[in-house]
N, C-alpha and C. Protein backbone atom coordinates (compact mmCIF):
# COMPACT_ATOMS: atom_id res chain seq x y z
N UNK A 1 -5.07 2.67 11.78
CA UNK A 1 -3.90 2.80 10.92
C UNK A 1 -3.64 4.25 10.52
N UNK A 2 -4.63 5.11 10.65
CA UNK A 2 -4.45 6.49 10.19
C UNK A 2 -3.47 7.27 11.06
N UNK A 3 -3.23 6.81 12.29
CA UNK A 3 -2.29 7.52 13.17
C UNK A 3 -0.84 7.10 12.94
N UNK A 4 -0.61 6.10 12.09
CA UNK A 4 0.75 5.64 11.79
C UNK A 4 1.25 6.39 10.55
N UNK A 5 2.42 7.01 10.63
CA UNK A 5 2.94 7.77 9.48
C UNK A 5 3.55 6.84 8.42
N UNK A 6 2.73 5.96 7.89
CA UNK A 6 3.18 4.93 6.95
C UNK A 6 3.90 5.55 5.75
N UNK A 7 3.31 6.58 5.16
CA UNK A 7 3.89 7.19 3.96
C UNK A 7 5.27 7.78 4.26
N UNK A 8 5.42 8.46 5.37
CA UNK A 8 6.72 9.03 5.75
C UNK A 8 7.75 7.94 6.02
N UNK A 9 7.31 6.87 6.65
CA UNK A 9 8.24 5.78 6.97
C UNK A 9 8.71 5.07 5.70
N UNK A 10 7.81 4.88 4.74
CA UNK A 10 8.20 4.27 3.46
C UNK A 10 9.12 5.23 2.70
N UNK A 11 8.84 6.52 2.75
CA UNK A 11 9.70 7.51 2.11
C UNK A 11 11.11 7.48 2.68
N UNK A 12 11.21 7.32 3.98
CA UNK A 12 12.52 7.21 4.62
C UNK A 12 13.25 5.96 4.14
N UNK A 13 12.51 4.84 4.05
CA UNK A 13 13.12 3.61 3.53
C UNK A 13 13.61 3.80 2.10
N UNK A 14 12.83 4.51 1.30
CA UNK A 14 13.21 4.74 -0.10
C UNK A 14 14.53 5.51 -0.16
N UNK A 15 14.67 6.52 0.68
CA UNK A 15 15.91 7.30 0.72
C UNK A 15 17.09 6.41 1.12
N UNK A 16 16.88 5.59 2.13
CA UNK A 16 17.94 4.69 2.59
C UNK A 16 18.30 3.69 1.50
N UNK A 17 17.30 3.14 0.82
CA UNK A 17 17.54 2.17 -0.26
C UNK A 17 18.31 2.81 -1.41
N UNK A 18 17.98 4.04 -1.74
CA UNK A 18 18.64 4.73 -2.85
C UNK A 18 20.08 5.11 -2.51
N UNK A 19 20.34 5.43 -1.27
CA UNK A 19 21.65 5.97 -0.90
C UNK A 19 22.63 4.95 -0.35
N UNK A 20 22.17 4.05 0.52
CA UNK A 20 23.15 3.21 1.21
C UNK A 20 22.80 1.74 1.33
N UNK A 21 21.55 1.37 1.19
CA UNK A 21 21.16 -0.03 1.42
C UNK A 21 20.33 -0.56 0.25
N UNK A 22 20.98 -0.89 -0.87
CA UNK A 22 20.23 -1.37 -2.02
C UNK A 22 19.52 -2.70 -1.76
N UNK A 23 19.91 -3.40 -0.72
CA UNK A 23 19.29 -4.69 -0.42
C UNK A 23 17.84 -4.56 0.03
N UNK A 24 17.39 -3.36 0.37
CA UNK A 24 15.98 -3.19 0.77
C UNK A 24 15.15 -2.55 -0.34
N UNK A 25 15.73 -2.36 -1.52
CA UNK A 25 15.03 -1.67 -2.61
C UNK A 25 13.75 -2.41 -3.02
N UNK A 26 13.82 -3.71 -3.16
CA UNK A 26 12.63 -4.46 -3.59
C UNK A 26 11.54 -4.41 -2.53
N UNK A 27 11.91 -4.63 -1.28
CA UNK A 27 10.92 -4.59 -0.20
C UNK A 27 10.28 -3.20 -0.10
N UNK A 28 11.09 -2.16 -0.28
CA UNK A 28 10.57 -0.80 -0.24
C UNK A 28 9.58 -0.57 -1.37
N UNK A 29 9.91 -1.08 -2.54
CA UNK A 29 9.02 -0.97 -3.70
C UNK A 29 7.68 -1.64 -3.41
N UNK A 30 7.71 -2.80 -2.80
CA UNK A 30 6.47 -3.52 -2.49
C UNK A 30 5.65 -2.76 -1.45
N UNK A 31 6.30 -2.20 -0.45
CA UNK A 31 5.59 -1.43 0.58
C UNK A 31 4.98 -0.16 0.00
N UNK A 32 5.64 0.43 -0.98
CA UNK A 32 5.15 1.67 -1.58
C UNK A 32 3.86 1.47 -2.37
N UNK A 33 3.56 0.26 -2.76
CA UNK A 33 2.32 -0.02 -3.49
C UNK A 33 1.09 0.28 -2.66
N UNK A 34 1.24 0.30 -1.35
CA UNK A 34 0.09 0.43 -0.45
C UNK A 34 0.10 1.75 0.31
N UNK A 35 0.68 2.79 -0.27
CA UNK A 35 0.75 4.08 0.40
C UNK A 35 -0.64 4.67 0.67
N UNK A 36 -1.56 4.47 -0.24
CA UNK A 36 -2.89 5.07 -0.09
C UNK A 36 -3.78 4.37 0.93
N UNK A 37 -3.62 3.07 1.07
CA UNK A 37 -4.50 2.33 1.98
C UNK A 37 -3.75 1.16 2.62
N UNK A 38 -2.79 1.44 3.50
CA UNK A 38 -2.04 0.34 4.11
C UNK A 38 -2.87 -0.40 5.15
N UNK A 39 -2.67 -1.70 5.18
CA UNK A 39 -3.32 -2.52 6.20
C UNK A 39 -2.33 -2.88 7.29
N UNK A 40 -2.80 -3.62 8.27
CA UNK A 40 -1.93 -4.01 9.38
C UNK A 40 -0.77 -4.88 8.89
N UNK A 41 -1.02 -5.75 7.89
CA UNK A 41 0.05 -6.60 7.38
C UNK A 41 1.15 -5.76 6.72
N UNK A 42 0.77 -4.64 6.12
CA UNK A 42 1.76 -3.76 5.50
C UNK A 42 2.58 -3.03 6.57
N UNK A 43 1.91 -2.62 7.62
CA UNK A 43 2.62 -1.97 8.72
C UNK A 43 3.60 -2.96 9.37
N UNK A 44 3.18 -4.20 9.53
CA UNK A 44 4.08 -5.21 10.13
C UNK A 44 5.28 -5.47 9.22
N UNK A 45 5.06 -5.49 7.91
CA UNK A 45 6.17 -5.67 6.97
C UNK A 45 7.11 -4.46 7.03
N UNK A 46 6.54 -3.27 7.16
CA UNK A 46 7.33 -2.05 7.29
C UNK A 46 8.18 -2.10 8.56
N UNK A 47 7.56 -2.53 9.63
CA UNK A 47 8.27 -2.66 10.91
C UNK A 47 9.41 -3.68 10.78
N UNK A 48 9.15 -4.75 10.04
CA UNK A 48 10.17 -5.78 9.82
C UNK A 48 11.38 -5.19 9.06
N UNK A 49 11.11 -4.33 8.08
CA UNK A 49 12.20 -3.67 7.34
C UNK A 49 13.05 -2.81 8.27
N UNK A 50 12.40 -2.08 9.15
CA UNK A 50 13.14 -1.24 10.09
C UNK A 50 13.96 -2.10 11.06
N UNK A 51 13.42 -3.23 11.47
CA UNK A 51 14.19 -4.13 12.34
C UNK A 51 15.39 -4.70 11.59
N UNK A 52 15.19 -5.01 10.31
CA UNK A 52 16.29 -5.50 9.49
C UNK A 52 17.40 -4.45 9.41
N UNK A 53 17.02 -3.20 9.20
CA UNK A 53 18.01 -2.13 9.14
C UNK A 53 18.76 -1.99 10.45
N UNK A 54 18.04 -2.14 11.55
CA UNK A 54 18.69 -2.03 12.86
C UNK A 54 19.70 -3.16 13.06
N UNK A 55 19.35 -4.37 12.63
CA UNK A 55 20.26 -5.51 12.85
C UNK A 55 21.41 -5.53 11.84
N UNK A 56 21.29 -4.79 10.75
CA UNK A 56 22.37 -4.75 9.76
C UNK A 56 23.05 -3.38 9.72
N UNK A 57 22.98 -2.66 10.81
CA UNK A 57 23.57 -1.32 10.85
C UNK A 57 25.09 -1.34 10.73
N UNK A 58 25.69 -2.50 10.91
CA UNK A 58 27.14 -2.62 10.77
C UNK A 58 27.55 -2.99 9.35
N UNK A 59 26.60 -3.03 8.41
CA UNK A 59 26.88 -3.35 7.01
C UNK A 59 26.76 -2.05 6.21
N UNK A 60 27.72 -1.80 5.32
CA UNK A 60 27.67 -0.58 4.53
C UNK A 60 28.31 -0.80 3.18
N UNK A 61 28.05 0.14 2.29
CA UNK A 61 28.70 0.14 0.98
C UNK A 61 30.09 0.73 1.15
N UNK A 62 31.05 0.13 0.50
CA UNK A 62 32.42 0.62 0.61
C UNK A 62 33.01 0.73 -0.78
N UNK A 63 33.57 1.87 -1.08
CA UNK A 63 34.23 2.07 -2.36
C UNK A 63 35.72 1.91 -2.19
N UNK A 64 36.35 1.46 -3.25
CA UNK A 64 37.79 1.29 -3.21
C UNK A 64 38.14 -0.18 -3.21
N UNK A 65 39.21 -0.49 -3.90
CA UNK A 65 39.63 -1.87 -4.00
C UNK A 65 41.08 -1.90 -4.45
N UNK A 66 41.73 -2.97 -4.13
CA UNK A 66 43.10 -3.15 -4.62
C UNK A 66 43.09 -3.89 -5.96
N UNK A 67 41.92 -4.38 -6.37
CA UNK A 67 41.81 -5.09 -7.64
C UNK A 67 41.83 -4.11 -8.80
N UNK A 68 42.08 -4.66 -9.98
CA UNK A 68 42.03 -3.86 -11.20
C UNK A 68 40.61 -3.32 -11.40
N UNK A 69 40.50 -2.13 -11.94
CA UNK A 69 39.19 -1.50 -12.15
C UNK A 69 38.46 -2.16 -13.31
N UNK A 70 37.59 -3.09 -13.00
CA UNK A 70 36.80 -3.80 -14.00
C UNK A 70 35.33 -3.59 -13.67
N UNK A 71 34.54 -3.25 -14.69
CA UNK A 71 33.11 -3.09 -14.51
C UNK A 71 32.42 -4.42 -14.80
N UNK A 72 31.62 -4.87 -13.84
CA UNK A 72 30.82 -6.07 -14.02
C UNK A 72 29.37 -5.72 -13.75
N UNK A 73 28.48 -6.16 -14.62
CA UNK A 73 27.06 -5.91 -14.45
C UNK A 73 26.28 -7.21 -14.42
N UNK A 74 25.21 -7.22 -13.66
CA UNK A 74 24.34 -8.39 -13.54
C UNK A 74 22.91 -7.93 -13.76
N UNK A 75 22.19 -8.65 -14.61
CA UNK A 75 20.79 -8.32 -14.86
C UNK A 75 19.93 -9.53 -14.56
N UNK A 76 18.68 -9.27 -14.19
CA UNK A 76 17.75 -10.36 -13.91
C UNK A 76 16.33 -9.83 -13.98
N UNK A 77 15.40 -10.73 -14.18
CA UNK A 77 13.98 -10.40 -14.16
C UNK A 77 13.26 -11.51 -13.42
N UNK A 78 12.15 -11.16 -12.78
CA UNK A 78 11.41 -12.19 -12.07
C UNK A 78 10.63 -13.05 -13.06
N UNK A 79 10.36 -14.27 -12.67
CA UNK A 79 9.59 -15.17 -13.53
C UNK A 79 8.21 -15.41 -12.95
N UNK A 80 7.79 -14.58 -12.04
CA UNK A 80 6.49 -14.73 -11.38
C UNK A 80 5.44 -13.85 -12.07
N UNK A 81 5.51 -13.80 -13.38
CA UNK A 81 4.59 -12.96 -14.13
C UNK A 81 3.20 -13.57 -14.18
N UNK A 82 2.21 -12.71 -14.09
CA UNK A 82 0.83 -13.13 -14.25
C UNK A 82 0.30 -12.49 -15.51
N UNK A 83 -0.77 -13.03 -16.05
CA UNK A 83 -1.36 -12.52 -17.28
C UNK A 83 -1.62 -11.02 -17.17
N UNK A 84 -1.06 -10.26 -18.11
CA UNK A 84 -1.30 -8.83 -18.16
C UNK A 84 -0.49 -8.00 -17.19
N UNK A 85 0.42 -8.61 -16.45
CA UNK A 85 1.24 -7.86 -15.49
C UNK A 85 2.66 -7.72 -16.01
N UNK A 86 3.28 -6.65 -15.64
CA UNK A 86 4.66 -6.41 -16.03
C UNK A 86 5.61 -7.07 -15.05
N UNK A 87 6.69 -7.62 -15.57
CA UNK A 87 7.70 -8.25 -14.74
C UNK A 87 8.52 -7.18 -14.02
N UNK A 88 9.26 -7.60 -13.04
CA UNK A 88 10.18 -6.70 -12.34
C UNK A 88 11.59 -7.09 -12.76
N UNK A 89 12.36 -6.12 -13.18
CA UNK A 89 13.73 -6.41 -13.58
C UNK A 89 14.68 -5.56 -12.77
N UNK A 90 15.90 -6.03 -12.72
CA UNK A 90 16.89 -5.30 -11.95
C UNK A 90 18.27 -5.48 -12.53
N UNK A 91 19.16 -4.61 -12.10
CA UNK A 91 20.55 -4.74 -12.47
C UNK A 91 21.40 -4.23 -11.33
N UNK A 92 22.63 -4.70 -11.30
CA UNK A 92 23.62 -4.24 -10.32
C UNK A 92 24.96 -4.18 -11.04
N UNK A 93 25.67 -3.09 -10.85
CA UNK A 93 26.98 -2.92 -11.47
C UNK A 93 28.03 -2.69 -10.39
N UNK A 94 29.13 -3.40 -10.56
CA UNK A 94 30.25 -3.32 -9.63
C UNK A 94 31.47 -2.78 -10.36
N UNK A 95 32.18 -1.89 -9.71
CA UNK A 95 33.50 -1.46 -10.16
C UNK A 95 34.47 -2.17 -9.24
N UNK A 96 35.16 -3.16 -9.78
CA UNK A 96 35.97 -4.09 -8.99
C UNK A 96 35.06 -4.76 -7.96
N UNK A 97 35.25 -4.49 -6.68
CA UNK A 97 34.43 -5.13 -5.65
C UNK A 97 33.34 -4.22 -5.10
N UNK A 98 33.22 -3.02 -5.64
CA UNK A 98 32.31 -2.02 -5.07
C UNK A 98 31.05 -1.87 -5.91
N UNK A 99 29.91 -1.98 -5.26
CA UNK A 99 28.63 -1.76 -5.92
C UNK A 99 28.48 -0.27 -6.19
N UNK A 100 28.31 0.11 -7.46
CA UNK A 100 28.25 1.53 -7.81
C UNK A 100 26.92 1.95 -8.43
N UNK A 101 26.13 1.01 -8.93
CA UNK A 101 24.85 1.34 -9.55
C UNK A 101 23.92 0.15 -9.44
N UNK A 102 22.66 0.41 -9.08
CA UNK A 102 21.70 -0.68 -8.95
C UNK A 102 20.29 -0.15 -9.20
N UNK A 103 19.41 -1.04 -9.58
CA UNK A 103 18.02 -0.67 -9.79
C UNK A 103 17.15 -1.92 -9.75
N UNK A 104 15.92 -1.74 -9.30
CA UNK A 104 14.90 -2.79 -9.34
C UNK A 104 13.59 -2.08 -9.65
N UNK A 105 13.07 -2.30 -10.86
CA UNK A 105 11.86 -1.58 -11.28
C UNK A 105 10.93 -2.50 -12.06
N UNK A 106 9.67 -2.13 -12.04
CA UNK A 106 8.68 -2.83 -12.85
C UNK A 106 8.90 -2.44 -14.31
N UNK A 107 8.87 -3.43 -15.20
CA UNK A 107 9.06 -3.15 -16.62
C UNK A 107 7.84 -2.42 -17.17
N UNK A 108 8.07 -1.62 -18.19
CA UNK A 108 6.97 -0.87 -18.79
C UNK A 108 6.26 -1.67 -19.87
N UNK A 109 6.86 -2.74 -20.35
CA UNK A 109 6.25 -3.62 -21.34
C UNK A 109 5.73 -4.88 -20.67
N UNK A 110 4.64 -5.41 -21.17
CA UNK A 110 4.14 -6.70 -20.68
C UNK A 110 4.87 -7.78 -21.48
N UNK A 111 5.69 -8.56 -20.80
CA UNK A 111 6.43 -9.64 -21.45
C UNK A 111 5.54 -10.88 -21.52
N UNK A 112 5.64 -11.59 -22.64
CA UNK A 112 4.83 -12.80 -22.82
C UNK A 112 5.50 -14.04 -22.25
N UNK A 113 6.75 -13.92 -21.86
CA UNK A 113 7.48 -15.08 -21.35
C UNK A 113 8.64 -14.60 -20.47
N UNK A 114 9.22 -15.55 -19.76
CA UNK A 114 10.41 -15.23 -18.96
C UNK A 114 11.54 -14.78 -19.87
N UNK A 115 11.65 -15.42 -21.03
CA UNK A 115 12.67 -15.04 -22.02
C UNK A 115 12.57 -13.55 -22.35
N UNK A 116 11.36 -13.09 -22.65
CA UNK A 116 11.18 -11.68 -23.00
C UNK A 116 11.49 -10.77 -21.82
N UNK A 117 11.06 -11.16 -20.63
CA UNK A 117 11.34 -10.35 -19.44
C UNK A 117 12.84 -10.24 -19.20
N UNK A 118 13.55 -11.34 -19.37
CA UNK A 118 15.01 -11.33 -19.19
C UNK A 118 15.69 -10.49 -20.28
N UNK A 119 15.17 -10.55 -21.50
CA UNK A 119 15.73 -9.76 -22.60
C UNK A 119 15.53 -8.26 -22.34
N UNK A 120 14.36 -7.89 -21.85
CA UNK A 120 14.09 -6.49 -21.52
C UNK A 120 15.02 -6.03 -20.39
N UNK A 121 15.20 -6.89 -19.38
CA UNK A 121 16.10 -6.56 -18.27
C UNK A 121 17.53 -6.36 -18.76
N UNK A 122 17.97 -7.23 -19.65
CA UNK A 122 19.32 -7.11 -20.21
C UNK A 122 19.46 -5.83 -21.02
N UNK A 123 18.43 -5.48 -21.78
CA UNK A 123 18.47 -4.25 -22.58
C UNK A 123 18.58 -3.03 -21.68
N UNK A 124 17.79 -2.99 -20.60
CA UNK A 124 17.86 -1.86 -19.65
C UNK A 124 19.24 -1.80 -19.01
N UNK A 125 19.74 -2.95 -18.60
CA UNK A 125 21.06 -2.99 -17.97
C UNK A 125 22.16 -2.55 -18.92
N UNK A 126 22.04 -2.94 -20.19
CA UNK A 126 23.03 -2.56 -21.18
C UNK A 126 23.01 -1.06 -21.44
N UNK A 127 21.82 -0.47 -21.46
CA UNK A 127 21.73 0.99 -21.61
C UNK A 127 22.45 1.70 -20.47
N UNK A 128 22.25 1.22 -19.26
CA UNK A 128 22.93 1.82 -18.11
C UNK A 128 24.43 1.57 -18.17
N UNK A 129 24.82 0.41 -18.69
CA UNK A 129 26.24 0.07 -18.79
C UNK A 129 26.97 1.04 -19.71
N UNK A 130 26.31 1.44 -20.79
CA UNK A 130 26.93 2.37 -21.73
C UNK A 130 27.21 3.70 -21.03
N UNK A 131 26.23 4.21 -20.30
CA UNK A 131 26.41 5.46 -19.56
C UNK A 131 27.50 5.30 -18.51
N UNK A 132 27.45 4.19 -17.78
CA UNK A 132 28.43 3.94 -16.72
C UNK A 132 29.84 3.81 -17.29
N UNK A 133 29.97 3.20 -18.46
CA UNK A 133 31.28 3.07 -19.10
C UNK A 133 31.87 4.44 -19.42
N UNK A 134 31.03 5.32 -19.97
CA UNK A 134 31.52 6.68 -20.28
C UNK A 134 31.91 7.42 -19.00
N UNK A 135 31.13 7.26 -17.96
CA UNK A 135 31.44 7.90 -16.68
C UNK A 135 32.75 7.36 -16.11
N UNK A 136 32.93 6.04 -16.17
CA UNK A 136 34.16 5.43 -15.66
C UNK A 136 35.37 5.89 -16.46
N UNK A 137 35.19 6.04 -17.77
CA UNK A 137 36.29 6.53 -18.60
C UNK A 137 36.68 7.95 -18.21
N UNK A 138 35.70 8.79 -17.91
CA UNK A 138 35.98 10.16 -17.49
C UNK A 138 36.70 10.20 -16.14
N UNK A 139 36.21 9.42 -15.20
CA UNK A 139 36.76 9.45 -13.85
C UNK A 139 38.11 8.75 -13.77
N UNK A 140 38.20 7.56 -14.36
CA UNK A 140 39.41 6.75 -14.24
C UNK A 140 40.44 7.05 -15.33
N UNK A 141 40.06 7.88 -16.32
CA UNK A 141 40.95 8.20 -17.43
C UNK A 141 41.43 6.95 -18.17
N UNK A 142 40.52 6.00 -18.34
CA UNK A 142 40.81 4.77 -19.06
C UNK A 142 39.89 4.72 -20.27
N UNK A 143 40.46 4.65 -21.46
CA UNK A 143 39.61 4.57 -22.64
C UNK A 143 39.32 3.11 -22.97
N UNK A 144 38.18 2.88 -23.54
CA UNK A 144 37.75 1.53 -23.93
C UNK A 144 37.74 0.57 -22.75
N UNK A 145 37.27 1.04 -21.61
CA UNK A 145 37.18 0.17 -20.44
C UNK A 145 36.17 -0.94 -20.72
N UNK A 146 36.58 -2.19 -20.60
CA UNK A 146 35.64 -3.29 -20.88
C UNK A 146 34.61 -3.42 -19.76
N UNK A 147 33.47 -3.93 -20.11
CA UNK A 147 32.44 -4.21 -19.11
C UNK A 147 31.86 -5.58 -19.40
N UNK A 148 31.72 -6.35 -18.36
CA UNK A 148 31.10 -7.67 -18.48
C UNK A 148 29.68 -7.57 -17.96
N UNK A 149 28.73 -8.07 -18.74
CA UNK A 149 27.34 -8.09 -18.30
C UNK A 149 26.88 -9.54 -18.27
N UNK A 150 26.37 -9.94 -17.12
CA UNK A 150 25.96 -11.32 -16.93
C UNK A 150 24.44 -11.42 -16.87
N UNK A 151 23.93 -12.48 -17.47
CA UNK A 151 22.50 -12.76 -17.52
C UNK A 151 22.34 -14.26 -17.29
N UNK A 152 21.31 -14.67 -16.58
CA UNK A 152 21.17 -16.09 -16.24
C UNK A 152 20.20 -16.85 -17.16
N UNK A 153 19.88 -16.31 -18.33
CA UNK A 153 18.96 -16.97 -19.24
C UNK A 153 19.71 -17.35 -20.51
N UNK A 154 19.88 -18.66 -20.74
CA UNK A 154 20.67 -19.14 -21.87
C UNK A 154 20.11 -18.69 -23.22
N UNK A 155 18.79 -18.68 -23.36
CA UNK A 155 18.19 -18.27 -24.64
C UNK A 155 18.49 -16.80 -24.93
N UNK A 156 18.46 -15.96 -23.91
CA UNK A 156 18.78 -14.54 -24.09
C UNK A 156 20.25 -14.38 -24.46
N UNK A 157 21.11 -15.12 -23.80
CA UNK A 157 22.54 -15.06 -24.11
C UNK A 157 22.79 -15.46 -25.55
N UNK A 158 22.11 -16.53 -26.01
CA UNK A 158 22.25 -16.95 -27.41
C UNK A 158 21.75 -15.87 -28.36
N UNK A 159 20.66 -15.24 -27.99
CA UNK A 159 20.08 -14.19 -28.85
C UNK A 159 21.06 -13.05 -29.06
N UNK A 160 21.72 -12.62 -28.02
CA UNK A 160 22.58 -11.44 -28.13
C UNK A 160 24.01 -11.75 -28.54
N UNK A 161 24.41 -13.02 -28.52
CA UNK A 161 25.79 -13.35 -28.86
C UNK A 161 25.94 -14.05 -30.20
N UNK A 162 24.90 -14.67 -30.71
CA UNK A 162 25.00 -15.36 -31.99
C UNK A 162 24.68 -14.41 -33.14
N UNK A 163 25.30 -14.67 -34.26
CA UNK A 163 25.02 -13.87 -35.45
C UNK A 163 23.67 -14.22 -36.06
N UNK A 164 23.22 -15.42 -35.78
CA UNK A 164 21.94 -15.86 -36.34
C UNK A 164 20.80 -15.08 -35.71
N UNK A 165 19.74 -14.90 -36.45
CA UNK A 165 18.58 -14.20 -35.94
C UNK A 165 17.44 -15.18 -35.69
N UNK A 166 17.77 -16.33 -35.13
CA UNK A 166 16.76 -17.38 -34.98
C UNK A 166 15.67 -17.01 -33.96
N UNK A 167 15.95 -16.09 -33.06
CA UNK A 167 14.95 -15.70 -32.06
C UNK A 167 14.18 -14.45 -32.48
N UNK A 168 14.47 -13.93 -33.67
CA UNK A 168 13.84 -12.69 -34.11
C UNK A 168 12.32 -12.79 -34.13
N UNK A 169 11.77 -13.90 -34.55
CA UNK A 169 10.32 -14.08 -34.57
C UNK A 169 9.71 -13.91 -33.19
N UNK A 170 10.42 -14.35 -32.17
CA UNK A 170 9.90 -14.27 -30.80
C UNK A 170 9.96 -12.87 -30.22
N UNK A 171 10.78 -12.01 -30.82
CA UNK A 171 11.00 -10.70 -30.20
C UNK A 171 10.66 -9.52 -31.10
N UNK A 172 10.11 -9.77 -32.27
CA UNK A 172 9.88 -8.66 -33.21
C UNK A 172 8.88 -7.64 -32.69
N UNK A 173 8.04 -8.01 -31.73
CA UNK A 173 7.06 -7.07 -31.17
C UNK A 173 7.64 -6.19 -30.06
N UNK A 174 8.85 -6.50 -29.62
CA UNK A 174 9.48 -5.70 -28.57
C UNK A 174 10.19 -4.50 -29.18
N UNK A 175 10.08 -3.36 -28.55
CA UNK A 175 10.79 -2.16 -29.03
C UNK A 175 12.09 -2.01 -28.30
């Protein structure tokens, strides 16, 4: 395995994921975990990613739309948490039909439940939405541009939309 430029190949995937193919971001993240000591199964997964890129070379990000300029954001977190491990959360933001911002990262806090992981993901996504809203206002010259943020966890939605603080006990340890 030492003759295979695994680190360089994963670095190339990272560049591609960041610039043009956000659909490989999670796979690239998983492959990057084994940069120091990759095994044959990691090389095969890496090869699979490159084959995927080859077969999807006709797919690209496209900016521009005839629709009204509306910002929509989607947040999510994985529910495959193990004791003492951080969840992975992600967000994707669209301006009309065009994907303009995305991320998939391991959370820095250890969540005790899926609810907490989803709440952390929504908080990260909301922070990015604020920055993106200001940027969109500067570029599009539209003040008070609305943004919709979607989350698939009903308890989290209730927490952030209700005036009641009934979930405060469950989240007081989160910063």
